[in-house]
């Protein structure tokens, strides 16, 4: 098995999916997690490629967030769609990144991702609160590359 398969157990992945569902309960925003071994291009550019590959730009309010993790490279990116970028300050994702980094340095990868997902949900709720007609527009499952 490759490292990306060993990175999280099936149970840990399900805990992350539950965190995504919880985070999305209070916002119209959409959150996805993508995990892969490494990237041959900059991690930011790879996150953008994955964002496009997962068709995350198709949300109604352009308010999707990708948490991208390159396991072997020990790098991660939090990438938000342009609908988010238009209404938030430049350093908007710093608190989300910090919530993840605190756990990652301790080797708690599942908890780091969960913390990032929940923090992103809190941040999105402020600018994109849940509406009665909101639909879950994107899969909550973790994608892997």
Protein backbone atom coordinates (compact mmCIF):
# COMPACT_ATOMS: atom_id res chain seq x y z
CA UNK A 1 0.00 0.00 0.00
CA UNK A 2 1.11 3.54 -0.68
CA UNK A 3 1.48 6.08 2.07
CA UNK A 4 -1.71 7.87 1.06
CA UNK A 5 -3.61 4.64 1.79
CA UNK A 6 -1.85 4.27 5.15
CA UNK A 7 -2.22 7.92 6.13
CA UNK A 8 -5.69 7.49 7.67
CA UNK A 9 -7.63 4.40 8.70
CA UNK A 10 -11.13 3.81 7.35
CA UNK A 11 -12.50 4.80 10.76
CA UNK A 12 -10.48 8.04 10.76
CA UNK A 13 -11.71 8.86 7.27
CA UNK A 14 -15.30 8.38 8.42
CA UNK A 15 -14.69 10.72 11.37
CA UNK A 16 -13.50 13.37 8.91
CA UNK A 17 -16.58 12.85 6.71
CA UNK A 18 -18.76 13.32 9.80
CA UNK A 19 -16.86 16.54 10.60
CA UNK A 20 -17.51 17.78 7.06
CA UNK A 21 -21.23 17.10 7.47
CA UNK A 22 -21.22 18.87 10.84
CA UNK A 23 -19.34 21.88 9.45
CA UNK A 24 -21.70 22.19 6.49
CA UNK A 25 -24.83 22.17 8.69
CA UNK A 26 -24.44 25.88 9.46
CA UNK A 27 -23.22 27.19 6.12
CA UNK A 28 -24.09 27.07 2.46
CA UNK A 29 -20.36 26.59 1.85
CA UNK A 30 -18.97 23.27 0.72
CA UNK A 31 -15.85 21.60 2.12
CA UNK A 32 -13.81 18.79 0.56
CA UNK A 33 -10.63 17.03 1.64
CA UNK A 34 -8.13 15.62 -0.87
CA UNK A 35 -5.11 13.53 0.13
CA UNK A 36 -2.24 12.39 -2.08
CA UNK A 37 1.38 11.35 -1.71
CA UNK A 38 3.15 14.31 -3.26
CA UNK A 39 3.07 16.92 -5.98
CA UNK A 40 5.55 17.63 -8.74
CA UNK A 41 4.30 21.23 -8.98
CA UNK A 42 3.77 23.83 -6.27
CA UNK A 43 1.27 22.65 -3.69
CA UNK A 44 -0.90 25.71 -4.25
CA UNK A 45 -1.06 25.02 -8.00
CA UNK A 46 -1.77 21.35 -7.36
CA UNK A 47 -4.58 22.28 -4.97
CA UNK A 48 -6.03 24.47 -7.72
CA UNK A 49 -5.81 21.54 -10.19
CA UNK A 50 -7.57 19.24 -7.72
CA UNK A 51 -10.21 21.92 -7.07
CA UNK A 52 -10.94 21.99 -10.81
CA UNK A 53 -10.76 18.20 -11.16
CA UNK A 54 -13.37 17.80 -8.41
CA UNK A 55 -15.54 20.45 -10.13
CA UNK A 56 -15.65 22.46 -6.93
CA UNK A 57 -16.08 25.71 -8.88
CA UNK A 58 -19.64 24.63 -9.74
CA UNK A 59 -21.25 25.63 -6.44
CA UNK A 60 -24.08 28.15 -6.63
CA UNK A 61 -22.34 30.78 -4.50
CA UNK A 62 -18.78 29.83 -5.50
CA UNK A 63 -18.10 29.13 -1.83
CA UNK A 64 -16.33 25.77 -1.84
CA UNK A 65 -13.19 25.08 0.19
CA UNK A 66 -10.59 22.43 -0.51
CA UNK A 67 -8.26 21.11 2.15
CA UNK A 68 -5.41 19.56 0.17
CA UNK A 69 -2.80 17.38 1.92
CA UNK A 70 0.41 16.04 0.30
CA UNK A 71 1.46 13.31 2.74
CA UNK A 72 5.07 12.64 1.69
CA UNK A 73 5.78 16.33 1.15
CA UNK A 74 4.37 17.23 4.57
CA UNK A 75 2.49 20.15 2.99
CA UNK A 76 -1.11 21.25 2.94
CA UNK A 77 -3.16 24.02 1.34
CA UNK A 78 -6.53 25.51 2.22
CA UNK A 79 -8.01 26.85 -1.01
CA UNK A 80 -11.29 28.78 -1.24
CA UNK A 81 -13.29 29.63 -4.35
CA UNK A 82 -13.61 33.18 -5.67
CA UNK A 83 -17.00 33.77 -4.04
CA UNK A 84 -15.24 33.47 -0.69
CA UNK A 85 -12.21 35.51 -1.70
CA UNK A 86 -14.45 38.40 -2.77
CA UNK A 87 -15.91 38.86 0.73
CA UNK A 88 -13.18 37.91 3.19
CA UNK A 89 -9.88 39.50 4.26
CA UNK A 90 -6.65 38.31 2.67
CA UNK A 91 -5.50 36.28 5.70
CA UNK A 92 -8.92 34.64 6.11
CA UNK A 93 -7.63 31.05 6.13
CA UNK A 94 -4.81 31.62 8.64
CA UNK A 95 -6.90 30.46 11.63
CA UNK A 96 -7.92 27.33 9.70
CA UNK A 97 -4.30 26.62 8.76
CA UNK A 98 -3.17 27.20 12.35
CA UNK A 99 -5.83 24.81 13.71
CA UNK A 100 -4.50 22.13 11.40
CA UNK A 101 -0.80 22.85 11.89
CA UNK A 102 -1.05 22.62 15.69
CA UNK A 103 -2.16 19.00 15.39
CA UNK A 104 0.00 18.07 12.41
CA UNK A 105 3.23 18.93 14.28
CA UNK A 106 2.10 16.50 17.00
CA UNK A 107 1.48 13.78 14.42
CA UNK A 108 -2.29 13.97 14.92
CA UNK A 109 -3.24 14.11 11.24
CA UNK A 110 -6.86 13.04 11.57
CA UNK A 111 -7.48 15.60 14.30
CA UNK A 112 -5.65 18.27 12.34
CA UNK A 113 -7.90 17.72 9.34
CA UNK A 114 -11.02 17.63 11.53
CA UNK A 115 -9.96 20.86 13.25
CA UNK A 116 -9.39 22.46 9.85
CA UNK A 117 -12.76 21.31 8.53
CA UNK A 118 -14.64 22.57 11.60
CA UNK A 119 -12.76 25.89 11.64
CA UNK A 120 -13.44 26.39 7.92
CA UNK A 121 -17.12 25.70 8.61
CA UNK A 122 -17.16 28.31 11.39
CA UNK A 123 -15.48 30.87 9.15
CA UNK A 124 -17.83 30.15 6.24
CA UNK A 125 -20.89 30.41 8.47
CA UNK A 126 -20.18 34.11 9.05
CA UNK A 127 -20.22 35.01 5.36
CA UNK A 128 -22.32 32.18 3.94
CA UNK A 129 -24.93 31.16 6.54
CA UNK A 130 -27.08 28.13 5.88
CA UNK A 131 -30.30 28.90 4.01
CA UNK A 132 -33.48 26.84 4.06
CA UNK A 133 -33.15 25.94 0.37
CA UNK A 134 -29.46 24.93 0.57
CA UNK A 135 -28.44 21.63 -0.97
CA UNK A 136 -25.30 19.61 -0.35
CA UNK A 137 -23.72 20.35 -3.73
CA UNK A 138 -20.49 18.34 -3.40
CA UNK A 139 -19.55 14.93 -2.06
CA UNK A 140 -18.36 14.83 1.54
CA UNK A 141 -16.13 11.82 0.88
CA UNK A 142 -12.35 12.21 0.99
CA UNK A 143 -10.79 12.08 -2.46
CA UNK A 144 -7.34 10.62 -3.05
CA UNK A 145 -4.76 11.10 -5.75
